[in-house]
Amino acid sequence: MTDIRKHAVEPTSILHLRNSADELLYADDAEGNPDKTRPMEAEIYGPGSKQFKKAQAASSNRMVERLKKKGKDTQSAEEKALADAEFLAACTKSLRNVSFDQLVGEALFMAVYTTPEIGFIPEQINKHIGDWSNFTKASPTN
């Protein structure tokens, strides 16, 4: 018999962020050119992590509260964007080589995930986080 847990996924995964033209993003060097040694990355908690499950529960609880208060499930575009950003922020462990008005931690995550002009970033993260294979453990080398 084989213990099924040997197929468990990692709790986090690293996503190298891309721009709207699908090109890999790098932090700038001192001259303002892309520094290939400093990729812009998101470390994301995946569907097999406690943090992801907690974020899902919080998202569901917000929807239930909205239903109780308003009696309906409709959201404005702004409310939906904020709810999506809150979920992604809760699923983000770190953003590496990414800056936004000197913000850090959750404030940085929320700024990045709620700015419409860089909406391609949360779209990438949503896509990445929704694919269990992105969290597969690396095969041991022989």
C-alpha atoms as a PDB file:
ATOM      1  CA  MET A   1       0.000   0.000   0.000  1.00  0.00           C
ATOM      2  CA  THR A   2       1.109   3.540  -0.768  1.00  0.00           C
ATOM      3  CA  ASP A   3       0.329   6.378   1.613  1.00  0.00           C
ATOM      4  CA  ILE A   4      -1.781   8.830  -0.416  1.00  0.00           C
ATOM      5  CA  ARG A   5      -0.157  11.750   1.420  1.00  0.00           C
ATOM      6  CA  LYS A   6       2.955  11.325  -0.702  1.00  0.00           C
ATOM      7  CA  HIS A   7       0.957  13.168  -3.386  1.00  0.00           C
ATOM      8  CA  ALA A   8       0.235  16.160  -1.139  1.00  0.00           C
ATOM      9  CA  VAL A   9       0.864  19.614  -2.539  1.00  0.00           C
ATOM     10  CA  GLU A  10       3.092  22.379  -1.179  1.00  0.00           C
ATOM     11  CA  PRO A  11       1.362  25.119   0.823  1.00  0.00           C
ATOM     12  CA  THR A  12       2.820  27.893  -1.356  1.00  0.00           C
ATOM     13  CA  SER A  13       3.995  28.503  -4.885  1.00  0.00           C
ATOM     14  CA  ILE A  14       6.045  31.250  -6.523  1.00  0.00           C
ATOM     15  CA  LEU A  15       4.587  33.064  -9.535  1.00  0.00           C
ATOM     16  CA  HIS A  16       6.907  35.196 -11.685  1.00  0.00           C
ATOM     17  CA  LEU A  17       4.647  38.129 -12.573  1.00  0.00           C
ATOM     18  CA  ARG A  18       4.104  39.252 -16.166  1.00  0.00           C
ATOM     19  CA  ASN A  19       3.058  42.562 -17.666  1.00  0.00           C
ATOM     20  CA  SER A  20      -0.010  43.093 -19.844  1.00  0.00           C
ATOM     21  CA  ALA A  21       2.001  42.023 -22.914  1.00  0.00           C
ATOM     22  CA  ASP A  22       2.769  38.692 -21.171  1.00  0.00           C
ATOM     23  CA  GLU A  23       6.446  39.583 -20.642  1.00  0.00           C
ATOM     24  CA  LEU A  24       8.195  38.626 -17.407  1.00  0.00           C
ATOM     25  CA  LEU A  25       8.598  41.512 -14.957  1.00  0.00           C
ATOM     26  CA  TYR A  26      11.835  42.460 -13.182  1.00  0.00           C
ATOM     27  CA  ALA A  27      12.643  45.197 -10.683  1.00  0.00           C
ATOM     28  CA  ASP A  28      14.597  48.110 -12.105  1.00  0.00           C
ATOM     29  CA  ASP A  29      18.329  48.530 -11.593  1.00  0.00           C
ATOM     30  CA  ALA A  30      19.913  51.892 -10.689  1.00  0.00           C
ATOM     31  CA  GLU A  31      19.638  53.075 -14.312  1.00  0.00           C
ATOM     32  CA  GLY A  32      15.959  52.125 -14.585  1.00  0.00           C
ATOM     33  CA  ASN A  33      16.567  48.996 -16.676  1.00  0.00           C
ATOM     34  CA  PRO A  34      15.164  45.555 -15.819  1.00  0.00           C
ATOM     35  CA  ASP A  35      17.473  43.709 -13.403  1.00  0.00           C
ATOM     36  CA  LYS A  36      17.229  40.054 -14.471  1.00  0.00           C
ATOM     37  CA  THR A  37      18.496  38.982 -11.030  1.00  0.00           C
ATOM     38  CA  ARG A  38      15.428  40.535  -9.341  1.00  0.00           C
ATOM     39  CA  PRO A  39      12.229  38.997 -10.707  1.00  0.00           C
ATOM     40  CA  MET A  40       8.918  40.446  -9.563  1.00  0.00           C
ATOM     41  CA  GLU A  41       7.254  37.496  -7.853  1.00  0.00           C
ATOM     42  CA  ALA A  42       4.241  36.615  -5.758  1.00  0.00           C
ATOM     43  CA  GLU A  43       4.448  33.842  -3.192  1.00  0.00           C
ATOM     44  CA  ILE A  44       0.912  32.525  -2.975  1.00  0.00           C
ATOM     45  CA  TYR A  45      -0.813  30.205  -0.511  1.00  0.00           C
ATOM     46  CA  GLY A  46      -2.489  27.453  -2.501  1.00  0.00           C
ATOM     47  CA  PRO A  47      -5.686  25.438  -2.193  1.00  0.00           C
ATOM     48  CA  GLY A  48      -3.948  22.869   0.023  1.00  0.00           C
ATOM     49  CA  SER A  49      -2.975  25.428   2.682  1.00  0.00           C
ATOM     50  CA  LYS A  50      -4.693  26.525   5.878  1.00  0.00           C
ATOM     51  CA  GLN A  51      -4.340  30.175   4.803  1.00  0.00           C
ATOM     52  CA  PHE A  52      -6.249  29.526   1.565  1.00  0.00           C
ATOM     53  CA  LYS A  53      -9.035  27.696   3.429  1.00  0.00           C
ATOM     54  CA  LYS A  54      -9.249  30.564   5.933  1.00  0.00           C
ATOM     55  CA  ALA A  55      -9.451  33.111   3.080  1.00  0.00           C
ATOM     56  CA  GLN A  56     -12.210  31.077   1.407  1.00  0.00           C
ATOM     57  CA  ALA A  57     -14.184  30.917   4.647  1.00  0.00           C
ATOM     58  CA  ALA A  58     -13.818  34.667   5.196  1.00  0.00           C
ATOM     59  CA  SER A  59     -15.008  35.321   1.642  1.00  0.00           C
ATOM     60  CA  SER A  60     -18.038  33.077   2.148  1.00  0.00           C
ATOM     61  CA  ASN A  61     -18.806  34.733   5.479  1.00  0.00           C
ATOM     62  CA  ARG A  62     -18.709  38.189   3.860  1.00  0.00           C
ATOM     63  CA  MET A  63     -21.217  37.001   1.249  1.00  0.00           C
ATOM     64  CA  VAL A  64     -23.538  35.588   3.933  1.00  0.00           C
ATOM     65  CA  GLU A  65     -23.348  38.863   5.883  1.00  0.00           C
ATOM     66  CA  ARG A  66     -24.138  40.823   2.723  1.00  0.00           C
ATOM     67  CA  LEU A  67     -27.171  38.593   2.124  1.00  0.00           C
ATOM     68  CA  LYS A  68     -28.361  39.122   5.700  1.00  0.00           C
ATOM     69  CA  LYS A  69     -27.986  42.903   5.469  1.00  0.00           C
ATOM     70  CA  LYS A  70     -29.250  43.541   1.954  1.00  0.00           C
ATOM     71  CA  GLY A  71     -31.328  40.453   1.293  1.00  0.00           C
ATOM     72  CA  LYS A  72     -29.706  40.010  -2.091  1.00  0.00           C
ATOM     73  CA  ASP A  73     -26.420  38.783  -3.548  1.00  0.00           C
ATOM     74  CA  THR A  74     -25.775  41.543  -6.046  1.00  0.00           C
ATOM     75  CA  GLN A  75     -22.546  43.514  -5.727  1.00  0.00           C
ATOM     76  CA  SER A  76     -21.358  46.635  -7.438  1.00  0.00           C
ATOM     77  CA  ALA A  77     -18.220  46.335  -9.539  1.00  0.00           C
ATOM     78  CA  GLU A  78     -16.307  48.157  -6.803  1.00  0.00           C
ATOM     79  CA  GLU A  79     -17.583  45.810  -4.069  1.00  0.00           C
ATOM     80  CA  LYS A  80     -16.696  42.762  -6.166  1.00  0.00           C
ATOM     81  CA  ALA A  81     -13.200  44.097  -6.888  1.00  0.00           C
ATOM     82  CA  LEU A  82     -12.652  44.795  -3.180  1.00  0.00           C
ATOM     83  CA  ALA A  83     -13.876  41.320  -2.162  1.00  0.00           C
ATOM     84  CA  ASP A  84     -11.620  39.684  -4.756  1.00  0.00           C
ATOM     85  CA  ALA A  85      -8.659  41.781  -3.582  1.00  0.00           C
ATOM     86  CA  GLU A  86      -9.290  40.841   0.062  1.00  0.00           C
ATOM     87  CA  PHE A  87      -9.312  37.150  -0.862  1.00  0.00           C
ATOM     88  CA  LEU A  88      -6.087  37.442  -2.872  1.00  0.00           C
ATOM     89  CA  ALA A  89      -4.391  39.501  -0.141  1.00  0.00           C
ATOM     90  CA  ALA A  90      -5.259  36.799   2.399  1.00  0.00           C
ATOM     91  CA  CYS A  91      -3.739  34.205   0.037  1.00  0.00           C
ATOM     92  CA  THR A  92      -0.525  36.184  -0.539  1.00  0.00           C
ATOM     93  CA  LYS A  93       2.512  35.389   1.565  1.00  0.00           C
ATOM     94  CA  SER A  94       4.730  37.980  -0.122  1.00  0.00           C
ATOM     95  CA  LEU A  95       5.306  40.148  -3.163  1.00  0.00           C
ATOM     96  CA  ARG A  96       9.016  40.167  -3.967  1.00  0.00           C
ATOM     97  CA  ASN A  97      10.764  43.047  -5.734  1.00  0.00           C
ATOM     98  CA  VAL A  98       7.418  44.851  -6.022  1.00  0.00           C
ATOM     99  CA  SER A  99       6.951  48.365  -4.689  1.00  0.00           C
ATOM    100  CA  PHE A 100       3.935  50.646  -4.524  1.00  0.00           C
ATOM    101  CA  ASP A 101       4.135  53.954  -2.622  1.00  0.00           C
ATOM    102  CA  GLN A 102       6.480  52.381  -0.016  1.00  0.00           C
ATOM    103  CA  LEU A 103       3.655  50.134   1.222  1.00  0.00           C
ATOM    104  CA  VAL A 104       4.400  46.763   2.806  1.00  0.00           C
ATOM    105  CA  GLY A 105       2.481  43.640   3.746  1.00  0.00           C
ATOM    106  CA  GLU A 106      -1.271  43.568   3.340  1.00  0.00           C
ATOM    107  CA  ALA A 107      -1.397  47.272   2.442  1.00  0.00           C
ATOM    108  CA  LEU A 108       0.924  46.550  -0.506  1.00  0.00           C
ATOM    109  CA  PHE A 109      -1.137  43.518  -1.549  1.00  0.00           C
ATOM    110  CA  MET A 110      -4.400  45.489  -1.443  1.00  0.00           C
ATOM    111  CA  ALA A 111      -2.925  48.406  -3.398  1.00  0.00           C
ATOM    112  CA  VAL A 112      -1.648  46.099  -6.138  1.00  0.00           C
ATOM    113  CA  TYR A 113      -4.859  44.048  -6.269  1.00  0.00           C
ATOM    114  CA  THR A 114      -7.250  47.033  -6.353  1.00  0.00           C
ATOM    115  CA  THR A 115      -5.518  49.275  -8.895  1.00  0.00           C
ATOM    116  CA  PRO A 116      -7.476  48.881 -12.156  1.00  0.00           C
ATOM    117  CA  GLU A 117      -4.539  49.891 -14.372  1.00  0.00           C
ATOM    118  CA  ILE A 118      -2.580  46.823 -13.215  1.00  0.00           C
ATOM    119  CA  GLY A 119      -5.577  44.502 -13.131  1.00  0.00           C
ATOM    120  CA  PHE A 120      -3.577  41.918 -15.075  1.00  0.00           C
ATOM    121  CA  ILE A 121      -1.667  41.123 -11.839  1.00  0.00           C
ATOM    122  CA  PRO A 122      -4.639  39.834  -9.795  1.00  0.00           C
ATOM    123  CA  GLU A 123      -5.899  38.009 -12.898  1.00  0.00           C
ATOM    124  CA  GLN A 124      -2.594  36.118 -13.102  1.00  0.00           C
ATOM    125  CA  ILE A 125      -2.723  35.259  -9.424  1.00  0.00           C
ATOM    126  CA  ASN A 126      -6.342  34.080  -9.639  1.00  0.00           C
ATOM    127  CA  LYS A 127      -5.432  31.820 -12.542  1.00  0.00           C
ATOM    128  CA  HIS A 128      -2.325  30.484 -10.770  1.00  0.00           C
ATOM    129  CA  ILE A 129      -4.058  29.862  -7.462  1.00  0.00           C
ATOM    130  CA  GLY A 130      -6.883  27.973  -9.159  1.00  0.00           C
ATOM    131  CA  ASP A 131      -4.568  25.295 -10.570  1.00  0.00           C
ATOM    132  CA  TRP A 132      -3.528  22.645  -8.034  1.00  0.00           C
ATOM    133  CA  SER A 133      -0.645  21.572 -10.295  1.00  0.00           C
ATOM    134  CA  ASN A 134       1.125  24.870  -9.545  1.00  0.00           C
ATOM    135  CA  PHE A 135       1.560  23.642  -5.970  1.00  0.00           C
ATOM    136  CA  THR A 136       2.861  20.165  -6.788  1.00  0.00           C
ATOM    137  CA  LYS A 137       5.955  19.123  -4.879  1.00  0.00           C
ATOM    138  CA  ALA A 138       9.140  18.979  -6.908  1.00  0.00           C
ATOM    139  CA  SER A 139      10.235  15.503  -7.830  1.00  0.00           C
ATOM    140  CA  PRO A 140      13.342  14.331  -6.018  1.00  0.00           C
ATOM    141  CA  THR A 141      16.385  14.101  -8.254  1.00  0.00           C
ATOM    142  CA  ASN A 142      18.091  10.752  -8.608  1.00  0.00           C
END
